[in-house]
Amino acid sequence: MTFSPNQFLANLDAKGGGLAKPSRFKVILPIPELLSKRFKDSFGSNLLNIANDILDIGEAFRGNGTGVDVTTATKNPSYSFRNDATRWLALQCESTDLPGKSFSTSDVKIYGPTFKVPNQITYNDISLTFMCNSEFSERKLFDAWMEVIRSPNSHNFRFPKAKGGGSNYMTQITIIQYNDFVKQIYALELQDAFPIGITSQPVSWSEDGFHRLTVNFAYYKYRTIYDGKYDTNDILASLIGTGVARAQKEVFSKISTL
């Protein structure tokens, strides 16, 4: 059978409208409450949260394919969806992976040839790469996060679980894959995730680019979310955010003319 480009393209269109692109993704990284207290919400963020409450934008986390239940998450100190840090990390995350998993096996021989049976599942660690803003906010946040895990004063590692429920430093990361029409076609929910390493950041007089920060995360396991809905709430939030930014710009321009 000879290769037919038209048949190949027609097959892709019939199966979902083309190929999945690695650039169509979003990372939701709620930070622990101990950290969220250090990063206060801005005025514009509060306006967005009011709009989100009215529009029930929580469905983007609960029923739109992320698998995260906001009603549960708001009661859990591990999660802080409403904090500015969570929103800006989603925007600043330049690259990551959809992590893999594998089975370790044991050799078994009952009669005849030896064969393998699975005995343990292993989940790969994950790396998130962020673009750093001019305030170095990303580096400061993850430095503080690792200080929550291990006290810089006593040098003791803190308990992962909090007394009142939830976690002191663990969180739940969701990585969403979209198609070209902002439909969530696949997602992974990483449970009990926490940073285990911050890579070095080179500095040089010959470099005129911008800083990137790569943070390595470990987690307990992940849950696969096979399908989702169109993320209309996320689109609407972006439009509202654009309106807020435009309004702020107009206000600042008027103030500068006074």
Protein backbone atom coordinates (compact mmCIF):
# COMPACT_ATOMS: atom_id res chain seq x y z
CA MET A 1 0.00 0.00 0.00
CA THR A 2 1.48 3.33 -1.05
CA PHE A 3 1.48 6.32 1.27
CA SER A 4 -1.26 8.84 0.50
CA PRO A 5 -0.87 12.33 2.05
CA ASN A 6 -4.54 13.12 1.46
CA GLN A 7 -5.65 9.92 3.17
CA PHE A 8 -3.27 10.61 6.05
CA LEU A 9 -4.68 14.12 6.54
CA ALA A 10 -8.25 12.89 6.19
CA ASN A 11 -7.58 10.26 8.85
CA LEU A 12 -6.25 12.92 11.24
CA ASP A 13 -9.27 15.14 10.64
CA ALA A 14 -11.63 12.23 11.23
CA LYS A 15 -9.93 11.35 14.52
CA GLY A 16 -10.13 14.79 16.09
CA GLY A 17 -9.12 17.55 13.72
CA GLY A 18 -5.35 17.21 13.44
CA LEU A 19 -2.36 16.48 15.64
CA ALA A 20 -2.02 17.33 19.32
CA LYS A 21 0.48 20.15 19.90
CA PRO A 22 2.81 20.28 22.91
CA SER A 23 2.41 24.07 23.06
CA ARG A 24 -1.28 23.76 24.02
CA PHE A 25 -0.95 23.16 27.73
CA LYS A 26 -1.52 24.70 31.14
CA VAL A 27 -0.11 23.93 34.57
CA ILE A 28 -2.18 24.57 37.69
CA LEU A 29 0.14 24.78 40.68
CA PRO A 30 -1.65 25.78 43.89
CA ILE A 31 0.86 26.80 46.54
CA PRO A 32 0.54 25.74 50.19
CA GLU A 33 -1.26 28.09 52.54
CA LEU A 34 1.93 28.80 54.50
CA LEU A 35 3.38 30.28 51.32
CA SER A 36 0.23 31.96 50.06
CA LYS A 37 0.21 34.20 53.13
CA ARG A 38 3.48 35.73 51.89
CA PHE A 39 2.03 36.61 48.51
CA LYS A 40 -0.97 38.88 48.89
CA ASP A 41 -3.53 39.26 46.15
CA SER A 42 -3.42 42.44 44.10
CA PHE A 43 -6.41 44.71 43.50
CA GLY A 44 -6.79 43.41 39.96
CA SER A 45 -6.68 39.82 41.20
CA ASN A 46 -9.44 40.54 43.70
CA LEU A 47 -11.59 41.90 40.88
CA LEU A 48 -10.98 38.71 38.95
CA ASN A 49 -11.92 36.61 41.96
CA ILE A 50 -15.20 38.49 42.34
CA ALA A 51 -15.99 37.83 38.69
CA ASN A 52 -14.95 34.20 39.07
CA ASP A 53 -17.32 33.75 42.00
CA ILE A 54 -20.19 35.21 40.01
CA LEU A 55 -19.45 33.05 36.99
CA ASP A 56 -18.71 29.94 39.08
CA ILE A 57 -15.34 29.65 37.43
CA GLY A 58 -14.52 26.96 39.95
CA GLU A 59 -15.93 24.51 37.42
CA ALA A 60 -12.65 24.88 35.55
CA PHE A 61 -11.07 22.98 38.42
CA ARG A 62 -13.95 20.75 39.43
CA GLY A 63 -15.66 19.56 36.28
CA ASN A 64 -13.67 20.72 33.26
CA GLY A 65 -11.19 17.91 33.20
CA THR A 66 -8.72 18.88 35.91
CA GLY A 67 -10.23 16.55 38.45
CA VAL A 68 -9.72 18.99 41.31
CA ASP A 69 -12.75 19.63 43.47
CA VAL A 70 -12.77 23.25 44.57
CA THR A 71 -15.30 22.59 47.31
CA THR A 72 -12.85 20.14 48.83
CA ALA A 73 -9.77 22.15 47.98
CA THR A 74 -10.98 25.27 49.77
CA LYS A 75 -11.25 23.21 52.97
CA ASN A 76 -7.78 21.78 52.48
CA PRO A 77 -4.89 24.01 53.59
CA SER A 78 -2.75 22.48 50.84
CA TYR A 79 -4.53 24.37 48.10
CA SER A 80 -4.74 28.08 47.36
CA PHE A 81 -6.37 28.55 43.94
CA ARG A 82 -7.25 32.18 44.52
CA ASN A 83 -3.76 33.41 45.25
CA ASP A 84 -1.92 35.58 42.72
CA ALA A 85 1.08 33.25 42.86
CA THR A 86 -0.97 30.34 41.49
CA ARG A 87 -2.21 32.47 38.59
CA TRP A 88 1.16 33.93 37.66
CA LEU A 89 2.92 30.55 37.88
CA ALA A 90 0.45 29.18 35.34
CA LEU A 91 1.37 32.04 33.01
CA GLN A 92 5.11 31.87 33.64
CA CYS A 93 5.45 28.10 33.21
CA GLU A 94 7.26 27.82 29.90
CA SER A 95 7.68 24.05 29.69
CA THR A 96 7.15 20.80 31.55
CA ASP A 97 6.41 17.15 30.83
CA LEU A 98 3.48 14.83 30.96
CA PRO A 99 5.30 12.42 33.28
CA GLY A 100 5.52 8.73 32.57
CA LYS A 101 5.20 5.66 34.72
CA SER A 102 6.58 2.15 34.55
CA PHE A 103 6.28 -1.25 36.17
CA SER A 104 9.16 -2.99 37.85
CA THR A 105 9.03 -6.73 37.31
CA SER A 106 10.18 -9.99 38.84
CA ASP A 107 11.30 -13.07 36.98
CA VAL A 108 9.05 -16.04 37.60
CA LYS A 109 9.47 -19.64 36.54
CA ILE A 110 6.73 -22.19 37.08
CA TYR A 111 7.27 -24.57 34.21
CA GLY A 112 9.12 -23.90 31.02
CA PRO A 113 10.69 -20.52 30.16
CA THR A 114 11.09 -17.74 32.72
CA PHE A 115 8.62 -14.90 32.37
CA LYS A 116 8.10 -11.52 34.02
CA VAL A 117 5.29 -10.34 36.28
CA PRO A 118 4.75 -6.74 37.49
CA ASN A 119 5.25 -6.09 41.20
CA GLN A 120 5.60 -2.32 41.63
CA ILE A 121 4.68 0.88 39.81
CA THR A 122 7.10 3.80 39.58
CA TYR A 123 6.16 7.39 38.75
CA ASN A 124 8.79 9.65 37.21
CA ASP A 125 9.70 12.94 38.86
CA ILE A 126 8.72 16.06 36.96
CA SER A 127 10.44 19.35 36.12
CA LEU A 128 8.73 22.71 35.63
CA THR A 129 10.56 25.55 33.88
CA PHE A 130 9.45 29.11 34.60
CA MET A 131 10.36 32.43 33.00
CA CYS A 132 11.55 34.80 35.72
CA ASN A 133 10.12 38.28 36.01
CA SER A 134 12.14 41.38 36.88
CA GLU A 135 11.41 40.92 40.61
CA PHE A 136 12.75 37.34 40.59
CA SER A 137 9.44 36.34 42.18
CA GLU A 138 9.63 32.75 40.97
CA ARG A 139 13.03 32.09 42.58
CA LYS A 140 11.93 33.74 45.82
CA LEU A 141 8.76 31.66 45.98
CA PHE A 142 10.45 28.30 45.50
CA ASP A 143 13.28 29.21 47.87
CA ALA A 144 10.61 29.98 50.48
CA TRP A 145 8.77 26.75 49.63
CA MET A 146 11.88 24.68 50.30
CA GLU A 147 12.41 26.55 53.56
CA VAL A 148 8.92 25.46 54.57
CA ILE A 149 9.99 21.85 53.97
CA ARG A 150 13.26 22.22 55.90
CA SER A 151 13.69 24.96 58.46
CA PRO A 152 16.82 27.07 57.75
CA ASN A 153 17.14 27.73 61.50
CA SER A 154 16.67 24.32 63.12
CA HIS A 155 17.65 22.37 59.98
CA ASN A 156 14.80 19.97 60.70
CA PHE A 157 12.41 18.65 58.07
CA ARG A 158 8.82 19.50 58.84
CA PHE A 159 5.98 17.00 58.89
CA PRO A 160 4.19 16.89 55.52
CA LYS A 161 0.75 16.70 57.12
CA ALA A 162 -0.79 19.56 59.10
CA LYS A 163 -2.57 19.08 62.42
CA GLY A 164 -5.91 20.40 61.18
CA GLY A 165 -5.85 18.30 58.03
CA GLY A 166 -4.25 18.85 54.68
CA SER A 167 -0.55 19.36 54.16
CA ASN A 168 2.15 21.75 55.33
CA TYR A 169 4.10 21.79 52.09
CA MET A 170 2.53 19.35 49.60
CA THR A 171 0.18 20.37 46.83
CA GLN A 172 -1.73 18.95 43.89
CA ILE A 173 -0.41 19.82 40.42
CA THR A 174 -2.61 19.51 37.36
CA ILE A 175 -1.16 19.46 33.84
CA ILE A 176 -3.75 19.96 31.11
CA GLN A 177 -3.36 19.24 27.41
CA TYR A 178 -5.63 21.21 25.08
CA ASN A 179 -6.49 20.93 21.42
CA ASP A 180 -6.57 23.93 19.08
CA PHE A 181 -10.09 24.80 20.22
CA VAL A 182 -9.25 25.06 23.96
CA LYS A 183 -10.83 21.72 24.75
CA GLN A 184 -9.18 19.71 27.50
CA ILE A 185 -8.36 16.44 25.80
CA TYR A 186 -6.13 14.99 28.52
CA ALA A 187 -4.89 15.88 31.99
CA LEU A 188 -2.75 14.47 34.77
CA GLU A 189 -3.37 15.22 38.43
CA LEU A 190 -0.18 14.85 40.49
CA GLN A 191 -1.03 14.15 44.11
CA ASP A 192 1.04 15.15 47.16
CA ALA A 193 3.63 16.98 45.07
CA PHE A 194 6.46 19.05 46.54
CA PRO A 195 9.70 20.60 45.21
CA ILE A 196 12.86 18.53 45.70
CA GLY A 197 15.36 20.66 43.82
CA ILE A 198 16.03 24.04 42.21
CA THR A 199 18.52 24.03 39.37
CA SER A 200 21.30 26.59 39.18
CA GLN A 201 20.84 29.76 37.16
CA PRO A 202 23.95 30.90 35.26
CA VAL A 203 24.82 34.60 35.22
CA SER A 204 27.18 36.13 32.67
CA TRP A 205 28.07 39.55 31.25
CA SER A 206 27.90 38.05 27.75
CA GLU A 207 24.29 36.92 28.18
CA ASP A 208 21.50 39.35 27.31
CA GLY A 209 18.53 36.98 27.53
CA PHE A 210 16.25 36.39 30.49
CA HIS A 211 16.44 34.03 33.42
CA ARG A 212 14.69 30.68 33.47
CA LEU A 213 14.12 28.65 36.61
CA THR A 214 13.71 24.87 36.57
CA VAL A 215 12.20 23.22 39.64
CA ASN A 216 12.07 19.46 40.14
CA PHE A 217 9.03 17.95 41.86
CA ALA A 218 8.37 14.59 43.45
CA TYR A 219 4.85 13.30 44.06
CA TYR A 220 3.02 10.26 45.38
CA LYS A 221 1.16 9.25 42.23
CA TYR A 222 -0.86 10.74 39.43
CA ARG A 223 -4.42 10.26 38.24
CA THR A 224 -5.26 10.31 34.56
CA ILE A 225 -8.18 12.41 33.33
CA TYR A 226 -8.95 11.19 29.86
CA ASP A 227 -11.36 13.81 28.60
CA GLY A 228 -12.77 17.17 29.51
CA LYS A 229 -14.89 20.05 28.33
CA TYR A 230 -14.16 23.27 26.52
CA ASP A 231 -12.46 25.57 28.99
CA THR A 232 -14.85 28.46 28.42
CA ASN A 233 -14.32 29.68 31.97
CA ASP A 234 -10.61 30.07 31.36
CA ILE A 235 -11.27 31.99 28.14
CA LEU A 236 -13.74 34.25 29.93
CA ALA A 237 -11.29 34.82 32.78
CA SER A 238 -8.65 35.85 30.24
CA LEU A 239 -11.06 38.32 28.66
CA ILE A 240 -11.95 39.76 32.08
CA GLY A 241 -8.27 39.96 32.94
CA THR A 242 -7.61 41.85 29.72
CA GLY A 243 -10.38 44.29 30.60
CA VAL A 244 -8.98 44.85 34.09
CA ALA A 245 -5.49 45.44 32.70
CA ARG A 246 -6.85 47.92 30.15
CA ALA A 247 -8.78 49.77 32.87
CA GLN A 248 -5.71 49.93 35.09
CA LYS A 249 -3.65 51.28 32.19
CA GLU A 250 -6.19 54.04 31.55
CA VAL A 251 -6.25 54.99 35.23
CA PHE A 252 -2.47 55.15 35.42
CA SER A 253 -2.25 57.20 32.24
CA LYS A 254 -4.72 59.74 33.66
CA ILE A 255 -2.82 59.91 36.95
CA SER A 256 0.45 60.56 35.09
CA THR A 257 -1.11 63.57 33.33
CA LEU A 258 -2.16 65.24 36.57
